[in-house]
PDB file of N, CA and C in Angstrom:
ATOM      1  N   MET A   1     -12.634  -1.573  -2.601  1.00  0.00           N
ATOM      2  CA  MET A   1     -12.464  -0.310  -3.286  1.00  0.00           C
ATOM      3  C   MET A   1     -13.731   0.514  -3.208  1.00  0.00           C
ATOM      4  N   ILE A   2     -14.851  -0.152  -3.234  1.00  0.00           N
ATOM      5  CA  ILE A   2     -16.116   0.562  -3.139  1.00  0.00           C
ATOM      6  C   ILE A   2     -16.229   1.233  -1.777  1.00  0.00           C
ATOM      7  N   THR A   3     -15.746   0.578  -0.727  1.00  0.00           N
ATOM      8  CA  THR A   3     -15.840   1.172   0.604  1.00  0.00           C
ATOM      9  C   THR A   3     -14.997   2.428   0.710  1.00  0.00           C
ATOM     10  N   ASN A   4     -13.856   2.491   0.000  1.00  0.00           N
ATOM     11  CA  ASN A   4     -13.032   3.694   0.020  1.00  0.00           C
ATOM     12  C   ASN A   4     -13.794   4.884  -0.529  1.00  0.00           C
ATOM     13  N   PHE A   5     -14.536   4.674  -1.600  1.00  0.00           N
ATOM     14  CA  PHE A   5     -15.299   5.764  -2.182  1.00  0.00           C
ATOM     15  C   PHE A   5     -16.460   6.153  -1.277  1.00  0.00           C
ATOM     16  N   LEU A   6     -17.039   5.187  -0.591  1.00  0.00           N
ATOM     17  CA  LEU A   6     -18.137   5.492   0.311  1.00  0.00           C
ATOM     18  C   LEU A   6     -17.649   6.298   1.503  1.00  0.00           C
ATOM     19  N   ILE A   7     -16.451   6.008   1.976  1.00  0.00           N
ATOM     20  CA  ILE A   7     -15.887   6.759   3.090  1.00  0.00           C
ATOM     21  C   ILE A   7     -15.673   8.210   2.677  1.00  0.00           C
ATOM     22  N   LEU A   8     -15.208   8.430   1.469  1.00  0.00           N
ATOM     23  CA  LEU A   8     -14.985   9.789   0.986  1.00  0.00           C
ATOM     24  C   LEU A   8     -16.276  10.474   0.574  1.00  0.00           C
ATOM     25  N   GLY A   9     -17.355   9.748   0.526  1.00  0.00           N
ATOM     26  CA  GLY A   9     -18.623  10.324   0.111  1.00  0.00           C
ATOM     27  C   GLY A   9     -18.757  10.431  -1.395  1.00  0.00           C
ATOM     28  N   ILE A  10     -17.933   9.691  -2.123  1.00  0.00           N
ATOM     29  CA  ILE A  10     -17.969   9.731  -3.584  1.00  0.00           C
ATOM     30  C   ILE A  10     -18.608   8.441  -4.074  1.00  0.00           C
ATOM     31  N   GLY A  11     -19.712   8.584  -4.784  1.00  0.00           N
ATOM     32  CA  GLY A  11     -20.384   7.422  -5.347  1.00  0.00           C
ATOM     33  C   GLY A  11     -19.965   7.205  -6.786  1.00  0.00           C
ATOM     34  N   THR A  12     -20.571   6.233  -7.422  1.00  0.00           N
ATOM     35  CA  THR A  12     -20.251   5.900  -8.807  1.00  0.00           C
ATOM     36  C   THR A  12     -20.594   7.044  -9.747  1.00  0.00           C
ATOM     37  N   GLN A  13     -21.743   7.662  -9.541  1.00  0.00           N
ATOM     38  CA  GLN A  13     -22.151   8.764 -10.415  1.00  0.00           C
ATOM     39  C   GLN A  13     -21.201   9.947 -10.298  1.00  0.00           C
ATOM     40  N   GLU A  14     -20.818  10.276  -9.073  1.00  0.00           N
ATOM     41  CA  GLU A  14     -19.890  11.391  -8.879  1.00  0.00           C
ATOM     42  C   GLU A  14     -18.538  11.100  -9.521  1.00  0.00           C
ATOM     43  N   LEU A  15     -18.086   9.868  -9.387  1.00  0.00           N
ATOM     44  CA  LEU A  15     -16.807   9.478  -9.977  1.00  0.00           C
ATOM     45  C   LEU A  15     -16.846   9.586 -11.495  1.00  0.00           C
ATOM     46  N   LEU A  16     -17.934   9.160 -12.101  1.00  0.00           N
ATOM     47  CA  LEU A  16     -18.086   9.285 -13.555  1.00  0.00           C
ATOM     48  C   LEU A  16     -18.104  10.749 -13.985  1.00  0.00           C
ATOM     49  N   ILE A  17     -18.785  11.588 -13.234  1.00  0.00           N
ATOM     50  CA  ILE A  17     -18.827  13.019 -13.559  1.00  0.00           C
ATOM     51  C   ILE A  17     -17.431  13.621 -13.474  1.00  0.00           C
ATOM     52  N   ILE A  18     -16.685  13.263 -12.446  1.00  0.00           N
ATOM     53  CA  ILE A  18     -15.312  13.766 -12.300  1.00  0.00           C
ATOM     54  C   ILE A  18     -14.454  13.315 -13.474  1.00  0.00           C
ATOM     55  N   CYS A  19     -14.583  12.064 -13.883  1.00  0.00           N
ATOM     56  CA  CYS A  19     -13.804  11.545 -15.021  1.00  0.00           C
ATOM     57  C   CYS A  19     -14.147  12.283 -16.309  1.00  0.00           C
ATOM     58  N   VAL A  20     -15.415  12.552 -16.535  1.00  0.00           N
ATOM     59  CA  VAL A  20     -15.829  13.275 -17.740  1.00  0.00           C
ATOM     60  C   VAL A  20     -15.284  14.696 -17.722  1.00  0.00           C
ATOM     61  N   ILE A  21     -15.330  15.358 -16.574  1.00  0.00           N
ATOM     62  CA  ILE A  21     -14.809  16.726 -16.475  1.00  0.00           C
ATOM     63  C   ILE A  21     -13.311  16.747 -16.739  1.00  0.00           C
ATOM     64  N   VAL A  22     -12.575  15.799 -16.167  1.00  0.00           N
ATOM     65  CA  VAL A  22     -11.126  15.722 -16.395  1.00  0.00           C
ATOM     66  C   VAL A  22     -10.841  15.479 -17.865  1.00  0.00           C
ATOM     67  N   LEU A  23     -11.602  14.601 -18.485  1.00  0.00           N
ATOM     68  CA  LEU A  23     -11.423  14.309 -19.909  1.00  0.00           C
ATOM     69  C   LEU A  23     -11.690  15.548 -20.750  1.00  0.00           C
ATOM     70  N   LEU A  24     -12.718  16.309 -20.415  1.00  0.00           N
ATOM     71  CA  LEU A  24     -13.034  17.526 -21.165  1.00  0.00           C
ATOM     72  C   LEU A  24     -11.977  18.609 -20.958  1.00  0.00           C
ATOM     73  N   LEU A  25     -11.478  18.725 -19.741  1.00  0.00           N
ATOM     74  CA  LEU A  25     -10.495  19.771 -19.453  1.00  0.00           C
ATOM     75  C   LEU A  25      -9.141  19.497 -20.108  1.00  0.00           C
ATOM     76  N   PHE A  26      -8.683  18.270 -20.023  1.00  0.00           N
ATOM     77  CA  PHE A  26      -7.329  17.968 -20.466  1.00  0.00           C
ATOM     78  C   PHE A  26      -7.258  17.257 -21.806  1.00  0.00           C
ATOM     79  N   GLY A  27      -8.323  16.654 -22.244  1.00  0.00           N
ATOM     80  CA  GLY A  27      -8.303  15.938 -23.518  1.00  0.00           C
ATOM     81  C   GLY A  27      -7.680  14.562 -23.373  1.00  0.00           C
ATOM     82  N   GLY A  28      -7.979  13.708 -24.317  1.00  0.00           N
ATOM     83  CA  GLY A  28      -7.516  12.325 -24.264  1.00  0.00           C
ATOM     84  C   GLY A  28      -6.016  12.172 -24.401  1.00  0.00           C
ATOM     85  N   LYS A  29      -5.365  13.080 -25.126  1.00  0.00           N
ATOM     86  CA  LYS A  29      -3.921  12.952 -25.354  1.00  0.00           C
ATOM     87  C   LYS A  29      -3.110  13.451 -24.163  1.00  0.00           C
ATOM     88  N   LYS A  30      -3.651  14.377 -23.414  1.00  0.00           N
ATOM     89  CA  LYS A  30      -2.903  14.980 -22.315  1.00  0.00           C
ATOM     90  C   LYS A  30      -2.933  14.127 -21.039  1.00  0.00           C
ATOM     91  N   ILE A  31      -3.967  13.327 -20.866  1.00  0.00           N
ATOM     92  CA  ILE A  31      -4.121  12.549 -19.635  1.00  0.00           C
ATOM     93  C   ILE A  31      -2.964  11.567 -19.412  1.00  0.00           C
ATOM     94  N   PRO A  32      -2.505  10.810 -20.433  1.00  0.00           N
ATOM     95  CA  PRO A  32      -1.352   9.919 -20.179  1.00  0.00           C
ATOM     96  C   PRO A  32      -0.099  10.682 -19.743  1.00  0.00           C
ATOM     97  N   GLU A  33       0.102  11.880 -20.284  1.00  0.00           N
ATOM     98  CA  GLU A  33       1.255  12.685 -19.877  1.00  0.00           C
ATOM     99  C   GLU A  33       1.120  13.106 -18.416  1.00  0.00           C
ATOM    100  N   LEU A  34      -0.090  13.474 -18.015  1.00  0.00           N
ATOM    101  CA  LEU A  34      -0.321  13.856 -16.625  1.00  0.00           C
ATOM    102  C   LEU A  34      -0.084  12.682 -15.684  1.00  0.00           C
ATOM    103  N   MET A  35      -0.553  11.508 -16.075  1.00  0.00           N
ATOM    104  CA  MET A  35      -0.373  10.320 -15.239  1.00  0.00           C
ATOM    105  C   MET A  35       1.103   9.929 -15.151  1.00  0.00           C
ATOM    106  N   LYS A  36       1.838  10.105 -16.248  1.00  0.00           N
ATOM    107  CA  LYS A  36       3.269   9.814 -16.250  1.00  0.00           C
ATOM    108  C   LYS A  36       3.987  10.745 -15.275  1.00  0.00           C
ATOM    109  N   GLY A  37       3.638  12.022 -15.326  1.00  0.00           N
ATOM    110  CA  GLY A  37       4.227  12.985 -14.396  1.00  0.00           C
ATOM    111  C   GLY A  37       3.869  12.674 -12.950  1.00  0.00           C
ATOM    112  N   LEU A  38       2.628  12.264 -12.727  1.00  0.00           N
ATOM    113  CA  LEU A  38       2.199  11.897 -11.382  1.00  0.00           C
ATOM    114  C   LEU A  38       2.974  10.679 -10.887  1.00  0.00           C
ATOM    115  N   GLY A  39       3.171   9.706 -11.760  1.00  0.00           N
ATOM    116  CA  GLY A  39       3.938   8.514 -11.396  1.00  0.00           C
ATOM    117  C   GLY A  39       5.376   8.847 -11.041  1.00  0.00           C
ATOM    118  N   LYS A  40       5.987   9.734 -11.814  1.00  0.00           N
ATOM    119  CA  LYS A  40       7.360  10.152 -11.518  1.00  0.00           C
ATOM    120  C   LYS A  40       7.422  10.880 -10.180  1.00  0.00           C
ATOM    121  N   GLY A  41       6.412  11.693  -9.906  1.00  0.00           N
ATOM    122  CA  GLY A  41       6.369  12.412  -8.634  1.00  0.00           C
ATOM    123  C   GLY A  41       6.247  11.469  -7.451  1.00  0.00           C
ATOM    124  N   VAL A  42       5.406  10.463  -7.571  1.00  0.00           N
ATOM    125  CA  VAL A  42       5.235   9.481  -6.500  1.00  0.00           C
ATOM    126  C   VAL A  42       6.524   8.696  -6.300  1.00  0.00           C
ATOM    127  N   LYS A  43       7.181   8.313  -7.400  1.00  0.00           N
ATOM    128  CA  LYS A  43       8.443   7.568  -7.302  1.00  0.00           C
ATOM    129  C   LYS A  43       9.509   8.421  -6.622  1.00  0.00           C
ATOM    130  N   SER A  44       9.573   9.690  -6.990  1.00  0.00           N
ATOM    131  CA  SER A  44      10.542  10.592  -6.383  1.00  0.00           C
ATOM    132  C   SER A  44      10.277  10.742  -4.886  1.00  0.00           C
ATOM    133  N   PHE A  45       9.011  10.856  -4.519  1.00  0.00           N
ATOM    134  CA  PHE A  45       8.649  10.971  -3.106  1.00  0.00           C
ATOM    135  C   PHE A  45       9.066   9.723  -2.334  1.00  0.00           C
ATOM    136  N   LYS A  46       8.797   8.543  -2.898  1.00  0.00           N
ATOM    137  CA  LYS A  46       9.173   7.293  -2.235  1.00  0.00           C
ATOM    138  C   LYS A  46      10.683   7.178  -2.096  1.00  0.00           C
ATOM    139  N   ASP A  47      11.421   7.575  -3.142  1.00  0.00           N
ATOM    140  CA  ASP A  47      12.884   7.537  -3.076  1.00  0.00           C
ATOM    141  C   ASP A  47      13.394   8.459  -1.974  1.00  0.00           C
ATOM    142  N   GLY A  48      12.798   9.635  -1.867  1.00  0.00           N
ATOM    143  CA  GLY A  48      13.182  10.575  -0.815  1.00  0.00           C
ATOM    144  C   GLY A  48      12.909  10.012   0.571  1.00  0.00           C
ATOM    145  N   MET A  49      11.771   9.358   0.732  1.00  0.00           N
ATOM    146  CA  MET A  49      11.444   8.755   2.024  1.00  0.00           C
ATOM    147  C   MET A  49      12.424   7.633   2.354  1.00  0.00           C
ATOM    148  N   ASN A  50      12.806   6.842   1.353  1.00  0.00           N
ATOM    149  CA  ASN A  50      13.781   5.768   1.580  1.00  0.00           C
ATOM    150  C   ASN A  50      15.139   6.337   1.954  1.00  0.00           C
ATOM    151  N   ASP A  51      15.529   7.459   1.332  1.00  0.00           N
ATOM    152  CA  ASP A  51      16.799   8.096   1.668  1.00  0.00           C
ATOM    153  C   ASP A  51      16.807   8.562   3.121  1.00  0.00           C
ATOM    154  N   VAL A  52      15.701   9.154   3.556  1.00  0.00           N
ATOM    155  CA  VAL A  52      15.602   9.610   4.943  1.00  0.00           C
ATOM    156  C   VAL A  52      15.687   8.422   5.893  1.00  0.00           C
ATOM    157  N   GLU A  53      14.984   7.349   5.563  1.00  0.00           N
ATOM    158  CA  GLU A  53      14.995   6.156   6.408  1.00  0.00           C
ATOM    159  C   GLU A  53      16.402   5.571   6.489  1.00  0.00           C
ATOM    160  N   ASN A  54      17.095   5.501   5.357  1.00  0.00           N
ATOM    161  CA  ASN A  54      18.459   4.961   5.350  1.00  0.00           C
ATOM    162  C   ASN A  54      19.404   5.845   6.152  1.00  0.00           C
ATOM    163  N   THR A  55      19.238   7.154   6.050  1.00  0.00           N
ATOM    164  CA  THR A  55      20.080   8.079   6.809  1.00  0.00           C
ATOM    165  C   THR A  55      19.859   7.894   8.304  1.00  0.00           C
ATOM    166  N   LEU A  56      18.599   7.754   8.704  1.00  0.00           N
ATOM    167  CA  LEU A  56      18.306   7.537  10.118  1.00  0.00           C
ATOM    168  C   LEU A  56      18.901   6.225  10.615  1.00  0.00           C
ATOM    169  N   LYS A  57      18.834   5.175   9.803  1.00  0.00           N
ATOM    170  CA  LYS A  57      19.414   3.887  10.195  1.00  0.00           C
ATOM    171  C   LYS A  57      20.926   3.996  10.321  1.00  0.00           C
ATOM    172  N   ASP A  58      21.567   4.715   9.376  1.00  0.00           N
ATOM    173  CA  ASP A  58      23.016   4.889   9.427  1.00  0.00           C
ATOM    174  C   ASP A  58      23.420   5.662  10.679  1.00  0.00           C
ATOM    175  N   ASN A  59      22.665   6.715  11.005  1.00  0.00           N
ATOM    176  CA  ASN A  59      22.967   7.499  12.202  1.00  0.00           C
ATOM    177  C   ASN A  59      22.779   6.665  13.461  1.00  0.00           C
ATOM    178  N   ASP A  60      21.748   5.836  13.493  1.00  0.00           N
ATOM    179  CA  ASP A  60      21.498   4.976  14.643  1.00  0.00           C
ATOM    180  C   ASP A  60      22.636   3.974  14.813  1.00  0.00           C
ATOM    181  N   THR A  61      23.103   3.415  13.702  1.00  0.00           N
ATOM    182  CA  THR A  61      24.216   2.469  13.745  1.00  0.00           C
ATOM    183  C   THR A  61      25.480   3.155  14.258  1.00  0.00           C
ATOM    184  N   ALA A  62      25.732   4.363  13.775  1.00  0.00           N
ATOM    185  CA  ALA A  62      26.915   5.103  14.219  1.00  0.00           C
ATOM    186  C   ALA A  62      26.812   5.428  15.706  1.00  0.00           C
ATOM    187  N   ASN A  63      25.630   5.798  16.173  1.00  0.00           N
ATOM    188  CA  ASN A  63      25.449   6.097  17.595  1.00  0.00           C
ATOM    189  C   ASN A  63      25.651   4.851  18.450  1.00  0.00           C
ATOM    190  N   ASN A  64      25.165   3.712  17.983  1.00  0.00           N
ATOM    191  CA  ASN A  64      25.357   2.466  18.730  1.00  0.00           C
ATOM    192  C   ASN A  64      26.828   2.103  18.825  1.00  0.00           C
ATOM    193  N   LYS A  65      27.581   2.295  17.740  1.00  0.00           N
ATOM    194  CA  LYS A  65      29.016   2.011  17.751  1.00  0.00           C
ATOM    195  C   LYS A  65      29.732   2.946  18.715  1.00  0.00           C
ATOM    196  N   ALA A  66      29.330   4.219  18.726  1.00  0.00           N
ATOM    197  CA  ALA A  66      29.953   5.179  19.632  1.00  0.00           C
ATOM    198  C   ALA A  66      29.640   4.825  21.081  1.00  0.00           C
ATOM    199  N   ASP A  67      28.417   4.418  21.357  1.00  0.00           N
ATOM    200  CA  ASP A  67      28.046   4.022  22.717  1.00  0.00           C
ATOM    201  C   ASP A  67      28.856   2.812  23.171  1.00  0.00           C
ATOM    202  N   LYS A  68      29.032   1.827  22.305  1.00  0.00           N
ATOM    203  CA  LYS A  68      29.814   0.636  22.653  1.00  0.00           C
ATOM    204  C   LYS A  68      31.270   1.001  22.892  1.00  0.00           C
ATOM    205  N   SER A  69      31.784   1.936  22.093  1.00  0.00           N
ATOM    206  CA  SER A  69      33.169   2.368  22.255  1.00  0.00           C
ATOM    207  C   SER A  69      33.358   3.052  23.602  1.00  0.00           C
ATOM    208  N   ILE A  70      32.393   3.868  23.988  1.00  0.00           N
ATOM    209  CA  ILE A  70      32.474   4.562  25.278  1.00  0.00           C
ATOM    210  C   ILE A  70      32.381   3.560  26.422  1.00  0.00           C
ATOM    211  N   GLU A  71      31.495   2.575  26.298  1.00  0.00           N
ATOM    212  CA  GLU A  71      31.346   1.562  27.344  1.00  0.00           C
ATOM    213  C   GLU A  71      32.612   0.723  27.488  1.00  0.00           C
ATOM    214  N   ASN A  72      33.289   0.450  26.382  1.00  0.00           N
ATOM    215  CA  ASN A  72      34.520  -0.345  26.436  1.00  0.00           C
ATOM    216  C   ASN A  72      35.649   0.419  27.109  1.00  0.00           C
ATOM    217  N   LYS A  73      35.638   1.742  27.022  1.00  0.00           N
ATOM    218  CA  LYS A  73      36.696   2.551  27.630  1.00  0.00           C
ATOM    219  C   LYS A  73      36.521   2.670  29.136  1.00  0.00           C
ATOM    220  N   LYS A  74      35.317   2.403  29.642  1.00  0.00           N
ATOM    221  CA  LYS A  74      35.075   2.523  31.087  1.00  0.00           C
ATOM    222  C   LYS A  74      35.701   1.415  31.824  1.00  0.00           C
TER     223      LYS A  74
END
């Protein structure tokens, strides 16, 4: 985890400063609500990605069945 922050150029001091600024801007009571909303957004995004993946798999399966049907008619 430390290497991730080093790659972004964010050290421990910068991270603490960012946390303090967020705490001052939003207050202690608002932060859990923000995190809850962020979690719902991430879940919604993942569900959408899974729907797209399932649709692509269904289309691929349908195309394979159609190809086999055409080959059987030859």
